[in-house]
Amino acid sequence: MKIEKIEFTCSSPSMKFCPKEDIPEFAFIGRSNVGKSSLINMLAAHKGLAKVSGTPGKTRLLNHFRVVSAIARESGSRIADPGTTAWFLVDLPGYGFAKLSKTAREKFEGLIQLYLQNRENLALTFLLIDSRLEPQKIDLEFMNWLGDNEVAFVILFTKTDKLSKTQLSANIASYQKALSVTWAELPLIIPTSAETKSGREEVLDTIGNVLKEISAED
């Protein structure tokens, strides 16, 4: 799948302000300082699309970016010529930012949960995990919450350029082992790097496959 056009649409403090356009949405979320803005900019091939800040926890709204992509459409058992498909990339507030007040944390957590549980056109959520860290309790708890609420998600390991292949494999294996305690079938895992652009095609192809499935159902 190839992104033809992407532009910022709006920042919403609550669900009622989200775009009314009925097109699929793909949400990106992770713990504060996981490198979410850098990854979104890498996927979009647009350095200034999502604001990158040295201060964790700056994203506190639901940020929608409208994307137009070239994607092969299904026509019966044959793939038709590529057409264009519109969808929203949604940059969600990060979780686990300790410096926020308890009231502010609860507000953002409530906003995230309402969106993930109630946004009808949410097609898939990408959960970003810092590949350099051992399995974190807060991330595992959030994954289990997604599972309990039947929110489909893919794990994106970020900052993989900071590790050797051996270290990365070991860290991914640690997460798989931790998840296997409560998960019968593990979520898809895609290693990524905003620096080297690794994982970009895999993420976009994952989105493209979901869009084709949605198109086939219509």
N, C-alpha and C. Protein backbone atom coordinates (compact mmCIF):
# COMPACT_ATOMS: atom_id res chain seq x y z
N MET A 1 0.84 -1.19 0.00
CA MET A 1 0.00 0.00 0.00
C MET A 1 0.88 1.25 0.00
N LYS A 2 0.46 2.24 -0.74
CA LYS A 2 1.22 3.49 -0.84
C LYS A 2 0.36 4.67 -0.41
N ILE A 3 0.91 5.50 0.47
CA ILE A 3 0.20 6.71 0.90
C ILE A 3 0.34 7.78 -0.18
N GLU A 4 -0.79 8.23 -0.70
CA GLU A 4 -0.79 9.27 -1.73
C GLU A 4 -0.87 10.67 -1.12
N LYS A 5 -1.63 10.78 -0.03
CA LYS A 5 -1.85 12.08 0.59
C LYS A 5 -2.20 11.90 2.04
N ILE A 6 -1.68 12.76 2.90
CA ILE A 6 -2.05 12.73 4.32
C ILE A 6 -2.06 14.16 4.85
N GLU A 7 -3.09 14.49 5.61
CA GLU A 7 -3.19 15.84 6.16
C GLU A 7 -3.90 15.81 7.50
N PHE A 8 -3.49 16.73 8.36
CA PHE A 8 -4.11 16.85 9.68
C PHE A 8 -5.55 17.30 9.53
N THR A 9 -6.45 16.64 10.28
CA THR A 9 -7.87 16.98 10.24
C THR A 9 -8.31 17.76 11.47
N CYS A 10 -8.08 17.18 12.66
CA CYS A 10 -8.52 17.87 13.88
C CYS A 10 -7.95 17.20 15.13
N SER A 11 -7.96 17.95 16.23
CA SER A 11 -7.63 17.44 17.55
C SER A 11 -8.89 17.53 18.40
N SER A 12 -9.28 16.40 19.00
CA SER A 12 -10.56 16.35 19.69
C SER A 12 -10.38 16.08 21.18
N PRO A 13 -10.99 16.90 22.05
CA PRO A 13 -10.90 16.67 23.49
C PRO A 13 -11.84 15.58 23.97
N SER A 14 -12.79 15.17 23.13
CA SER A 14 -13.72 14.10 23.48
C SER A 14 -14.25 13.46 22.20
N MET A 15 -14.92 12.34 22.36
CA MET A 15 -15.43 11.59 21.22
C MET A 15 -16.39 12.41 20.35
N LYS A 16 -17.19 13.26 20.96
CA LYS A 16 -18.21 13.96 20.19
C LYS A 16 -17.62 14.95 19.19
N PHE A 17 -16.34 15.29 19.35
CA PHE A 17 -15.70 16.22 18.43
C PHE A 17 -14.91 15.50 17.33
N CYS A 18 -14.90 14.18 17.36
CA CYS A 18 -14.18 13.42 16.34
C CYS A 18 -14.85 13.59 14.98
N PRO A 19 -14.10 13.37 13.89
CA PRO A 19 -14.68 13.53 12.55
C PRO A 19 -15.91 12.66 12.36
N LYS A 20 -16.87 13.18 11.60
CA LYS A 20 -18.11 12.46 11.34
C LYS A 20 -17.99 11.54 10.12
N GLU A 21 -16.96 11.75 9.32
CA GLU A 21 -16.80 10.95 8.11
C GLU A 21 -16.65 9.47 8.46
N ASP A 22 -17.45 8.65 7.82
CA ASP A 22 -17.50 7.22 8.15
C ASP A 22 -16.49 6.43 7.31
N ILE A 23 -15.23 6.53 7.70
CA ILE A 23 -14.17 5.76 7.04
C ILE A 23 -13.35 5.05 8.13
N PRO A 24 -12.65 3.96 7.78
CA PRO A 24 -11.90 3.19 8.79
C PRO A 24 -10.84 4.04 9.49
N GLU A 25 -10.63 3.74 10.77
CA GLU A 25 -9.62 4.43 11.56
C GLU A 25 -8.60 3.43 12.10
N PHE A 26 -7.34 3.85 12.09
CA PHE A 26 -6.25 3.03 12.61
C PHE A 26 -5.54 3.86 13.68
N ALA A 27 -5.63 3.40 14.91
CA ALA A 27 -5.13 4.17 16.05
C ALA A 27 -3.74 3.73 16.47
N PHE A 28 -2.95 4.70 16.94
CA PHE A 28 -1.60 4.44 17.42
C PHE A 28 -1.51 4.93 18.86
N ILE A 29 -1.04 4.05 19.74
CA ILE A 29 -0.97 4.38 21.15
C ILE A 29 0.24 3.69 21.78
N GLY A 30 0.75 4.27 22.84
CA GLY A 30 1.86 3.68 23.56
C GLY A 30 2.16 4.48 24.81
N ARG A 31 3.04 3.94 25.61
CA ARG A 31 3.46 4.65 26.81
C ARG A 31 4.19 5.93 26.41
N SER A 32 4.11 6.93 27.24
CA SER A 32 4.79 8.20 26.96
C SER A 32 6.27 7.97 26.68
N ASN A 33 6.79 8.69 25.71
CA ASN A 33 8.20 8.63 25.33
C ASN A 33 8.59 7.34 24.61
N VAL A 34 7.59 6.69 23.98
CA VAL A 34 7.87 5.45 23.25
C VAL A 34 8.31 5.72 21.82
N GLY A 35 8.19 6.99 21.38
CA GLY A 35 8.59 7.34 20.02
C GLY A 35 7.44 7.31 19.03
N LYS A 36 6.23 7.58 19.54
CA LYS A 36 5.03 7.49 18.68
C LYS A 36 5.02 8.53 17.57
N SER A 37 5.29 9.78 17.90
CA SER A 37 5.27 10.84 16.89
C SER A 37 6.30 10.59 15.80
N SER A 38 7.49 10.15 16.19
CA SER A 38 8.54 9.86 15.20
C SER A 38 8.12 8.72 14.29
N LEU A 39 7.46 7.71 14.86
CA LEU A 39 7.02 6.58 14.05
C LEU A 39 5.93 7.01 13.07
N ILE A 40 4.97 7.81 13.53
CA ILE A 40 3.91 8.28 12.65
C ILE A 40 4.49 9.10 11.51
N ASN A 41 5.44 9.97 11.81
CA ASN A 41 6.08 10.76 10.77
C ASN A 41 6.82 9.87 9.77
N MET A 42 7.44 8.81 10.26
CA MET A 42 8.14 7.87 9.38
C MET A 42 7.15 7.15 8.46
N LEU A 43 6.03 6.70 9.01
CA LEU A 43 5.04 6.01 8.20
C LEU A 43 4.47 6.93 7.13
N ALA A 44 4.25 8.19 7.50
CA ALA A 44 3.67 9.15 6.58
C ALA A 44 4.68 9.74 5.62
N ALA A 45 5.98 9.49 5.87
CA ALA A 45 7.06 10.11 5.09
C ALA A 45 6.92 11.63 5.13
N HIS A 46 6.63 12.14 6.31
CA HIS A 46 6.38 13.57 6.52
C HIS A 46 6.93 13.94 7.89
N LYS A 47 8.12 14.55 7.92
CA LYS A 47 8.82 14.79 9.19
C LYS A 47 8.04 15.65 10.17
N GLY A 48 7.26 16.60 9.68
CA GLY A 48 6.59 17.52 10.59
C GLY A 48 5.13 17.24 10.82
N LEU A 49 4.65 16.05 10.44
CA LEU A 49 3.22 15.77 10.55
C LEU A 49 2.78 15.72 12.02
N ALA A 50 3.35 14.78 12.76
CA ALA A 50 3.07 14.68 14.20
C ALA A 50 4.18 15.40 14.95
N LYS A 51 3.82 16.22 15.91
CA LYS A 51 4.81 17.01 16.62
C LYS A 51 5.64 16.14 17.56
N VAL A 52 6.95 16.19 17.38
CA VAL A 52 7.88 15.43 18.22
C VAL A 52 8.36 16.35 19.33
N SER A 53 8.20 15.91 20.57
CA SER A 53 8.59 16.73 21.71
C SER A 53 9.54 15.96 22.62
N GLY A 54 10.45 16.69 23.24
CA GLY A 54 11.34 16.07 24.20
C GLY A 54 10.67 15.88 25.55
N THR A 55 9.48 16.44 25.69
CA THR A 55 8.73 16.32 26.94
C THR A 55 7.65 15.26 26.79
N PRO A 56 7.73 14.14 27.49
CA PRO A 56 6.71 13.10 27.38
C PRO A 56 5.34 13.60 27.80
N GLY A 57 4.30 13.00 27.20
CA GLY A 57 2.94 13.32 27.61
C GLY A 57 2.35 14.54 26.95
N LYS A 58 2.92 15.02 25.83
CA LYS A 58 2.41 16.23 25.19
C LYS A 58 1.13 15.96 24.41
N THR A 59 0.96 14.74 23.89
CA THR A 59 -0.26 14.41 23.18
C THR A 59 -1.37 14.14 24.18
N ARG A 60 -2.36 15.04 24.23
CA ARG A 60 -3.43 14.89 25.22
C ARG A 60 -4.81 14.96 24.58
N LEU A 61 -4.85 14.88 23.26
CA LEU A 61 -6.10 14.92 22.52
C LEU A 61 -6.14 13.76 21.53
N LEU A 62 -7.30 13.52 20.93
CA LEU A 62 -7.43 12.54 19.87
C LEU A 62 -7.11 13.25 18.56
N ASN A 63 -5.97 12.95 17.95
CA ASN A 63 -5.53 13.65 16.75
C ASN A 63 -5.79 12.81 15.51
N HIS A 64 -6.62 13.34 14.61
CA HIS A 64 -6.98 12.63 13.39
C HIS A 64 -6.23 13.20 12.18
N PHE A 65 -5.68 12.28 11.39
CA PHE A 65 -5.03 12.63 10.13
C PHE A 65 -5.73 11.86 9.02
N ARG A 66 -6.23 12.56 8.02
CA ARG A 66 -6.93 11.88 6.92
C ARG A 66 -5.91 11.43 5.87
N VAL A 67 -5.99 10.17 5.51
CA VAL A 67 -5.03 9.57 4.58
C VAL A 67 -5.76 9.07 3.34
N VAL A 68 -5.15 9.31 2.18
CA VAL A 68 -5.62 8.71 0.94
C VAL A 68 -4.51 7.79 0.44
N SER A 69 -4.84 6.52 0.25
CA SER A 69 -3.85 5.52 -0.14
C SER A 69 -4.22 4.85 -1.44
N ALA A 70 -3.21 4.44 -2.17
CA ALA A 70 -3.41 3.59 -3.34
C ALA A 70 -3.40 2.15 -2.86
N ILE A 71 -4.46 1.43 -3.17
CA ILE A 71 -4.58 0.07 -2.66
C ILE A 71 -5.28 -0.79 -3.71
N ALA A 72 -4.81 -2.01 -3.87
CA ALA A 72 -5.45 -2.95 -4.80
C ALA A 72 -6.78 -3.38 -4.22
N ARG A 73 -7.82 -3.29 -5.01
CA ARG A 73 -9.15 -3.67 -4.56
C ARG A 73 -9.48 -5.09 -5.01
N GLU A 74 -10.26 -5.78 -4.19
CA GLU A 74 -10.69 -7.14 -4.53
C GLU A 74 -11.89 -7.07 -5.46
N SER A 75 -11.87 -7.86 -6.50
CA SER A 75 -13.01 -7.97 -7.41
C SER A 75 -13.22 -9.44 -7.67
N GLY A 76 -14.14 -10.05 -6.92
CA GLY A 76 -14.32 -11.49 -7.01
C GLY A 76 -13.07 -12.18 -6.52
N SER A 77 -12.52 -13.08 -7.32
CA SER A 77 -11.30 -13.80 -6.93
C SER A 77 -10.06 -13.15 -7.50
N ARG A 78 -10.24 -12.06 -8.25
CA ARG A 78 -9.11 -11.39 -8.88
C ARG A 78 -8.90 -10.02 -8.25
N ILE A 79 -7.66 -9.56 -8.24
CA ILE A 79 -7.34 -8.23 -7.70
C ILE A 79 -7.44 -7.21 -8.82
N ALA A 80 -8.30 -6.24 -8.65
CA ALA A 80 -8.47 -5.21 -9.66
C ALA A 80 -7.30 -4.23 -9.62
N ASP A 81 -7.28 -3.31 -10.57
CA ASP A 81 -6.22 -2.29 -10.58
C ASP A 81 -6.33 -1.45 -9.31
N PRO A 82 -5.18 -0.95 -8.82
CA PRO A 82 -5.21 -0.15 -7.59
C PRO A 82 -6.09 1.08 -7.73
N GLY A 83 -6.86 1.36 -6.70
CA GLY A 83 -7.65 2.57 -6.63
C GLY A 83 -7.22 3.34 -5.40
N THR A 84 -7.98 4.35 -5.01
CA THR A 84 -7.64 5.10 -3.80
C THR A 84 -8.66 4.81 -2.71
N THR A 85 -8.18 4.74 -1.51
CA THR A 85 -9.01 4.47 -0.34
C THR A 85 -8.67 5.48 0.74
N ALA A 86 -9.69 6.03 1.39
CA ALA A 86 -9.48 7.01 2.45
C ALA A 86 -9.62 6.35 3.82
N TRP A 87 -8.79 6.78 4.75
CA TRP A 87 -8.86 6.28 6.13
C TRP A 87 -8.26 7.32 7.06
N PHE A 88 -8.50 7.17 8.34
CA PHE A 88 -7.92 8.07 9.33
C PHE A 88 -6.82 7.37 10.10
N LEU A 89 -5.69 8.04 10.24
CA LEU A 89 -4.65 7.66 11.19
C LEU A 89 -4.92 8.47 12.45
N VAL A 90 -5.05 7.80 13.59
CA VAL A 90 -5.40 8.49 14.84
C VAL A 90 -4.27 8.37 15.85
N ASP A 91 -3.76 9.51 16.24
CA ASP A 91 -2.69 9.60 17.24
C ASP A 91 -3.35 9.78 18.61
N LEU A 92 -3.30 8.73 19.43
CA LEU A 92 -3.95 8.77 20.74
C LEU A 92 -2.98 9.26 21.83
N PRO A 93 -3.51 9.82 22.91
CA PRO A 93 -2.65 10.22 24.03
C PRO A 93 -1.90 9.02 24.60
N GLY A 94 -0.70 9.26 25.09
CA GLY A 94 0.08 8.19 25.71
C GLY A 94 -0.46 7.87 27.10
N TYR A 95 -0.11 6.71 27.60
CA TYR A 95 -0.54 6.33 28.94
C TYR A 95 0.68 6.14 29.84
N GLY A 96 0.45 6.19 31.14
CA GLY A 96 1.52 5.93 32.09
C GLY A 96 2.47 7.08 32.32
N PHE A 97 2.02 8.32 32.08
CA PHE A 97 2.89 9.48 32.30
C PHE A 97 2.80 9.92 33.76
N ALA A 98 3.80 9.58 34.55
CA ALA A 98 3.74 9.73 36.01
C ALA A 98 3.66 11.19 36.47
N LYS A 99 4.19 12.14 35.68
CA LYS A 99 4.24 13.52 36.14
C LYS A 99 2.90 14.24 36.06
N LEU A 100 1.92 13.63 35.39
CA LEU A 100 0.61 14.24 35.36
C LEU A 100 -0.09 14.03 36.71
N SER A 101 -0.96 14.95 37.04
CA SER A 101 -1.74 14.78 38.27
C SER A 101 -2.67 13.58 38.12
N LYS A 102 -3.12 13.05 39.24
CA LYS A 102 -4.03 11.90 39.21
C LYS A 102 -5.29 12.23 38.42
N THR A 103 -5.81 13.45 38.61
CA THR A 103 -7.03 13.86 37.90
C THR A 103 -6.80 13.90 36.40
N ALA A 104 -5.65 14.46 35.99
CA ALA A 104 -5.34 14.55 34.56
C ALA A 104 -5.15 13.16 33.96
N ARG A 105 -4.45 12.27 34.71
CA ARG A 105 -4.24 10.91 34.21
C ARG A 105 -5.56 10.19 34.01
N GLU A 106 -6.45 10.33 34.99
CA GLU A 106 -7.75 9.68 34.90
C GLU A 106 -8.55 10.22 33.72
N LYS A 107 -8.42 11.51 33.45
CA LYS A 107 -9.13 12.14 32.34
C LYS A 107 -8.65 11.55 31.01
N PHE A 108 -7.31 11.47 30.84
CA PHE A 108 -6.78 10.96 29.59
C PHE A 108 -7.05 9.47 29.42
N GLU A 109 -6.93 8.74 30.53
CA GLU A 109 -7.21 7.31 30.47
C GLU A 109 -8.67 7.05 30.10
N GLY A 110 -9.56 7.88 30.64
CA GLY A 110 -10.98 7.75 30.31
C GLY A 110 -11.23 8.06 28.85
N LEU A 111 -10.57 9.09 28.33
CA LEU A 111 -10.71 9.47 26.93
C LEU A 111 -10.25 8.33 26.02
N ILE A 112 -9.10 7.72 26.36
CA ILE A 112 -8.57 6.61 25.57
C ILE A 112 -9.53 5.42 25.60
N GLN A 113 -9.99 5.07 26.79
CA GLN A 113 -10.86 3.90 26.92
C GLN A 113 -12.18 4.10 26.18
N LEU A 114 -12.76 5.28 26.29
CA LEU A 114 -14.02 5.56 25.58
C LEU A 114 -13.84 5.42 24.08
N TYR A 115 -12.72 5.96 23.59
CA TYR A 115 -12.47 5.87 22.15
C TYR A 115 -12.30 4.41 21.72
N LEU A 116 -11.45 3.67 22.40
CA LEU A 116 -11.15 2.30 22.00
C LEU A 116 -12.37 1.38 22.13
N GLN A 117 -13.23 1.65 23.10
CA GLN A 117 -14.40 0.79 23.33
C GLN A 117 -15.59 1.16 22.46
N ASN A 118 -15.69 2.44 22.08
CA ASN A 118 -16.94 2.92 21.47
C ASN A 118 -16.83 3.49 20.06
N ARG A 119 -15.63 3.69 19.56
CA ARG A 119 -15.49 4.25 18.21
C ARG A 119 -15.81 3.16 17.18
N GLU A 120 -16.96 3.25 16.56
CA GLU A 120 -17.46 2.17 15.71
C GLU A 120 -16.58 1.90 14.49
N ASN A 121 -15.96 2.93 13.93
CA ASN A 121 -15.16 2.71 12.73
C ASN A 121 -13.67 2.48 13.02
N LEU A 122 -13.34 2.22 14.29
CA LEU A 122 -11.96 1.83 14.61
C LEU A 122 -11.71 0.44 14.04
N ALA A 123 -10.77 0.33 13.12
CA ALA A 123 -10.50 -0.93 12.44
C ALA A 123 -9.39 -1.73 13.11
N LEU A 124 -8.36 -1.04 13.61
CA LEU A 124 -7.22 -1.72 14.20
C LEU A 124 -6.41 -0.72 15.03
N THR A 125 -5.86 -1.21 16.13
CA THR A 125 -5.03 -0.38 17.00
C THR A 125 -3.59 -0.89 16.97
N PHE A 126 -2.65 0.02 16.85
CA PHE A 126 -1.24 -0.32 16.91
C PHE A 126 -0.69 0.12 18.27
N LEU A 127 -0.22 -0.85 19.03
CA LEU A 127 0.32 -0.59 20.37
C LEU A 127 1.84 -0.55 20.28
N LEU A 128 2.42 0.61 20.61
CA LEU A 128 3.86 0.79 20.51
C LEU A 128 4.55 0.41 21.82
N ILE A 129 5.62 -0.37 21.69
CA ILE A 129 6.40 -0.83 22.84
C ILE A 129 7.87 -0.52 22.59
N ASP A 130 8.55 0.04 23.59
CA ASP A 130 9.98 0.32 23.47
C ASP A 130 10.75 -1.00 23.48
N SER A 131 11.39 -1.31 22.37
CA SER A 131 12.06 -2.61 22.22
C SER A 131 13.25 -2.78 23.16
N ARG A 132 13.73 -1.69 23.75
CA ARG A 132 14.93 -1.76 24.60
C ARG A 132 14.62 -2.23 26.01
N LEU A 133 13.33 -2.26 26.37
CA LEU A 133 12.96 -2.54 27.75
C LEU A 133 12.47 -3.97 27.94
N GLU A 134 12.63 -4.46 29.15
CA GLU A 134 12.02 -5.73 29.51
C GLU A 134 10.51 -5.53 29.58
N PRO A 135 9.73 -6.61 29.54
CA PRO A 135 8.28 -6.47 29.63
C PRO A 135 7.87 -5.62 30.83
N GLN A 136 7.11 -4.56 30.55
CA GLN A 136 6.67 -3.64 31.59
C GLN A 136 5.25 -3.99 32.04
N LYS A 137 5.03 -3.95 33.33
CA LYS A 137 3.73 -4.31 33.89
C LYS A 137 2.62 -3.47 33.27
N ILE A 138 2.84 -2.17 33.11
CA ILE A 138 1.79 -1.29 32.60
C ILE A 138 1.42 -1.64 31.16
N ASP A 139 2.41 -2.04 30.36
CA ASP A 139 2.14 -2.44 28.98
C ASP A 139 1.37 -3.75 28.93
N LEU A 140 1.79 -4.72 29.74
CA LEU A 140 1.11 -6.01 29.76
C LEU A 140 -0.33 -5.86 30.25
N GLU A 141 -0.54 -5.00 31.23
CA GLU A 141 -1.89 -4.76 31.73
C GLU A 141 -2.76 -4.12 30.65
N PHE A 142 -2.16 -3.20 29.89
CA PHE A 142 -2.92 -2.54 28.83
C PHE A 142 -3.27 -3.53 27.72
N MET A 143 -2.33 -4.41 27.38
CA MET A 143 -2.62 -5.45 26.38
C MET A 143 -3.77 -6.33 26.84
N ASN A 144 -3.74 -6.72 28.10
CA ASN A 144 -4.82 -7.56 28.63
C ASN A 144 -6.15 -6.82 28.63
N TRP A 145 -6.10 -5.51 28.89
CA TRP A 145 -7.33 -4.71 28.83
C TRP A 145 -7.88 -4.69 27.39
N LEU A 146 -6.99 -4.53 26.42
CA LEU A 146 -7.41 -4.55 25.01
C LEU A 146 -8.06 -5.89 24.68
N GLY A 147 -7.42 -6.97 25.13
CA GLY A 147 -7.97 -8.29 24.88
C GLY A 147 -9.32 -8.50 25.53
N ASP A 148 -9.45 -8.07 26.80
CA ASP A 148 -10.71 -8.22 27.53
C ASP A 148 -11.84 -7.45 26.86
N ASN A 149 -11.48 -6.34 26.21
CA ASN A 149 -12.49 -5.49 25.57
C ASN A 149 -12.60 -5.74 24.07
N GLU A 150 -11.97 -6.82 23.62
CA GLU A 150 -12.04 -7.26 22.22
C GLU A 150 -11.62 -6.17 21.24
N VAL A 151 -10.56 -5.46 21.60
CA VAL A 151 -9.99 -4.43 20.72
C VAL A 151 -8.84 -5.08 19.95
N ALA A 152 -8.99 -5.21 18.64
CA ALA A 152 -7.95 -5.82 17.81
C ALA A 152 -6.72 -4.93 17.79
N PHE A 153 -5.53 -5.52 18.02
CA PHE A 153 -4.32 -4.71 18.02
C PHE A 153 -3.11 -5.48 17.52
N VAL A 154 -2.14 -4.70 17.07
CA VAL A 154 -0.84 -5.20 16.62
C VAL A 154 0.22 -4.52 17.46
N ILE A 155 1.25 -5.25 17.85
CA ILE A 155 2.34 -4.67 18.64
C ILE A 155 3.44 -4.17 17.71
N LEU A 156 3.82 -2.91 17.88
CA LEU A 156 4.95 -2.35 17.14
C LEU A 156 6.10 -2.10 18.12
N PHE A 157 7.20 -2.81 17.94
CA PHE A 157 8.37 -2.56 18.75
C PHE A 157 9.14 -1.39 18.14
N THR A 158 9.36 -0.33 18.92
CA THR A 158 10.02 0.88 18.42
C THR A 158 11.50 0.90 18.80
N LYS A 159 12.23 1.79 18.14
CA LYS A 159 13.64 2.07 18.45
C LYS A 159 14.52 0.82 18.32
N THR A 160 14.20 -0.04 17.37
CA THR A 160 14.96 -1.28 17.22
C THR A 160 16.37 -1.05 16.71
N ASP A 161 16.64 0.14 16.15
CA ASP A 161 17.99 0.45 15.68
C ASP A 161 18.97 0.60 16.84
N LYS A 162 18.45 0.72 18.06
CA LYS A 162 19.30 0.88 19.24
C LYS A 162 19.81 -0.46 19.77
N LEU A 163 19.33 -1.57 19.18
CA LEU A 163 19.68 -2.89 19.67
C LEU A 163 20.34 -3.73 18.58
N SER A 164 21.13 -4.71 19.01
CA SER A 164 21.64 -5.69 18.06
C SER A 164 20.51 -6.67 17.73
N LYS A 165 20.68 -7.43 16.67
CA LYS A 165 19.66 -8.41 16.29
C LYS A 165 19.44 -9.43 17.41
N THR A 166 20.53 -9.80 18.07
CA THR A 166 20.43 -10.77 19.16
C THR A 166 19.63 -10.20 20.33
N GLN A 167 19.92 -8.94 20.69
CA GLN A 167 19.21 -8.29 21.79
C GLN A 167 17.73 -8.14 21.46
N LEU A 168 17.45 -7.73 20.23
CA LEU A 168 16.06 -7.53 19.82
C LEU A 168 15.29 -8.85 19.87
N SER A 169 15.88 -9.90 19.35
CA SER A 169 15.22 -11.21 19.36
C SER A 169 14.94 -11.67 20.79
N ALA A 170 15.91 -11.42 21.69
CA ALA A 170 15.75 -11.82 23.09
C ALA A 170 14.62 -11.03 23.75
N ASN A 171 14.54 -9.72 23.47
CA ASN A 171 13.51 -8.89 24.08
C ASN A 171 12.12 -9.25 23.57
N ILE A 172 12.02 -9.53 22.26
CA ILE A 172 10.74 -9.94 21.70
C ILE A 172 10.30 -11.27 22.30
N ALA A 173 11.26 -12.18 22.44
CA ALA A 173 10.97 -13.49 23.04
C ALA A 173 10.48 -13.34 24.48
N SER A 174 11.04 -12.37 25.21
CA SER A 174 10.62 -12.13 26.59
C SER A 174 9.16 -11.69 26.64
N TYR A 175 8.78 -10.80 25.71
CA TYR A 175 7.39 -10.35 25.66
C TYR A 175 6.46 -11.49 25.26
N GLN A 176 6.89 -12.28 24.29
CA GLN A 176 6.05 -13.41 23.87
C GLN A 176 5.84 -14.40 25.01
N LYS A 177 6.88 -14.62 25.80
CA LYS A 177 6.78 -15.52 26.95
C LYS A 177 5.82 -14.94 27.99
N ALA A 178 5.94 -13.64 28.25
CA ALA A 178 5.07 -12.99 29.24
C ALA A 178 3.61 -13.02 28.78
N LEU A 179 3.39 -12.79 27.49
CA LEU A 179 2.03 -12.78 26.97
C LEU A 179 1.41 -14.17 26.94
N SER A 180 2.24 -15.18 26.69
CA SER A 180 1.73 -16.54 26.56
C SER A 180 1.10 -17.06 27.85
N VAL A 181 1.37 -16.37 28.97
CA VAL A 181 0.77 -16.76 30.25
C VAL A 181 -0.75 -16.58 30.20
N THR A 182 -1.21 -15.52 29.51
CA THR A 182 -2.64 -15.23 29.48
C THR A 182 -3.24 -15.27 28.08
N TRP A 183 -2.39 -15.33 27.04
CA TRP A 183 -2.90 -15.31 25.67
C TRP A 183 -2.69 -16.67 25.00
N ALA A 184 -3.77 -17.22 24.43
CA ALA A 184 -3.66 -18.48 23.70
C ALA A 184 -3.05 -18.23 22.31
N GLU A 185 -3.43 -17.11 21.72
CA GLU A 185 -2.89 -16.71 20.41
C GLU A 185 -2.28 -15.33 20.55
N LEU A 186 -1.00 -15.22 20.24
CA LEU A 186 -0.29 -13.96 20.45
C LEU A 186 -0.60 -12.96 19.33
N PRO A 187 -0.64 -11.66 19.68
CA PRO A 187 -0.85 -10.63 18.66
C PRO A 187 0.32 -10.58 17.68
N LEU A 188 0.07 -10.06 16.49
CA LEU A 188 1.13 -9.85 15.51
C LEU A 188 2.13 -8.85 16.07
N ILE A 189 3.42 -9.10 15.87
CA ILE A 189 4.49 -8.21 16.32
C ILE A 189 5.28 -7.74 15.11
N ILE A 190 5.47 -6.41 14.99
CA ILE A 190 6.27 -5.84 13.91
C ILE A 190 7.37 -4.97 14.50
N PRO A 191 8.64 -5.33 14.32
CA PRO A 191 9.75 -4.47 14.77
C PRO A 191 9.86 -3.25 13.85
N THR A 192 10.06 -2.07 14.43
CA THR A 192 10.13 -0.85 13.64
C THR A 192 11.27 0.06 14.12
N SER A 193 11.64 0.97 13.25
CA SER A 193 12.61 2.01 13.62
C SER A 193 12.31 3.26 12.82
N ALA A 194 12.08 4.38 13.51
CA ALA A 194 11.86 5.65 12.83
C ALA A 194 13.14 6.13 12.15
N GLU A 195 14.28 5.71 12.66
CA GLU A 195 15.58 6.13 12.12
C GLU A 195 15.89 5.42 10.81
N THR A 196 15.74 4.10 10.79
CA THR A 196 16.11 3.32 9.60
C THR A 196 14.92 3.04 8.69
N LYS A 197 13.70 3.40 9.15
CA LYS A 197 12.46 3.17 8.42
C LYS A 197 12.11 1.69 8.30
N SER A 198 12.75 0.85 9.09
CA SER A 198 12.41 -0.57 9.05
C SER A 198 11.02 -0.78 9.64
N GLY A 199 10.27 -1.70 9.07
CA GLY A 199 8.92 -1.99 9.51
C GLY A 199 7.86 -1.15 8.81
N ARG A 200 8.27 -0.12 8.08
CA ARG A 200 7.29 0.77 7.45
C ARG A 200 6.37 0.02 6.49
N GLU A 201 6.95 -0.75 5.59
CA GLU A 201 6.15 -1.47 4.60
C GLU A 201 5.24 -2.49 5.28
N GLU A 202 5.75 -3.14 6.33
CA GLU A 202 4.94 -4.15 7.03
C GLU A 202 3.72 -3.52 7.69
N VAL A 203 3.91 -2.34 8.30
CA VAL A 203 2.78 -1.66 8.94
C VAL A 203 1.76 -1.21 7.90
N LEU A 204 2.23 -0.59 6.82
CA LEU A 204 1.32 -0.12 5.78
C LEU A 204 0.61 -1.27 5.10
N ASP A 205 1.31 -2.39 4.88
CA ASP A 205 0.66 -3.55 4.28
C ASP A 205 -0.40 -4.14 5.21
N THR A 206 -0.13 -4.10 6.51
CA THR A 206 -1.13 -4.57 7.49
C THR A 206 -2.39 -3.72 7.41
N ILE A 207 -2.21 -2.41 7.32
CA ILE A 207 -3.36 -1.51 7.16
C ILE A 207 -4.06 -1.79 5.84
N GLY A 208 -3.29 -1.96 4.79
CA GLY A 208 -3.86 -2.23 3.47
C GLY A 208 -4.68 -3.51 3.44
N ASN A 209 -4.21 -4.54 4.11
CA ASN A 209 -4.94 -5.81 4.16
C ASN A 209 -6.27 -5.67 4.88
N VAL A 210 -6.27 -4.89 5.97
CA VAL A 210 -7.52 -4.65 6.70
C VAL A 210 -8.50 -3.85 5.85
N LEU A 211 -7.98 -2.85 5.13
CA LEU A 211 -8.84 -2.05 4.26
C LEU A 211 -9.46 -2.90 3.16
N LYS A 212 -8.69 -3.84 2.62
CA LYS A 212 -9.23 -4.74 1.58
C LYS A 212 -10.31 -5.64 2.16
N GLU A 213 -10.11 -6.10 3.39
CA GLU A 213 -11.12 -6.94 4.04
C GLU A 213 -12.41 -6.15 4.25
N ILE A 214 -12.27 -4.90 4.69
CA ILE A 214 -13.45 -4.06 4.89
C ILE A 214 -14.17 -3.80 3.57
N SER A 215 -13.38 -3.53 2.53
CA SER A 215 -13.94 -3.28 1.21
C SER A 215 -14.70 -4.49 0.68
N ALA A 216 -14.17 -5.68 0.95
CA ALA A 216 -14.79 -6.92 0.48
C ALA A 216 -16.11 -7.18 1.18
N GLU A 217 -16.25 -6.66 2.42
CA GLU A 217 -17.48 -6.87 3.20
C GLU A 217 -18.59 -5.93 2.77
N ASP A 218 -18.20 -4.79 2.19
CA ASP A 218 -19.20 -3.79 1.79
C ASP A 218 -19.99 -4.24 0.54
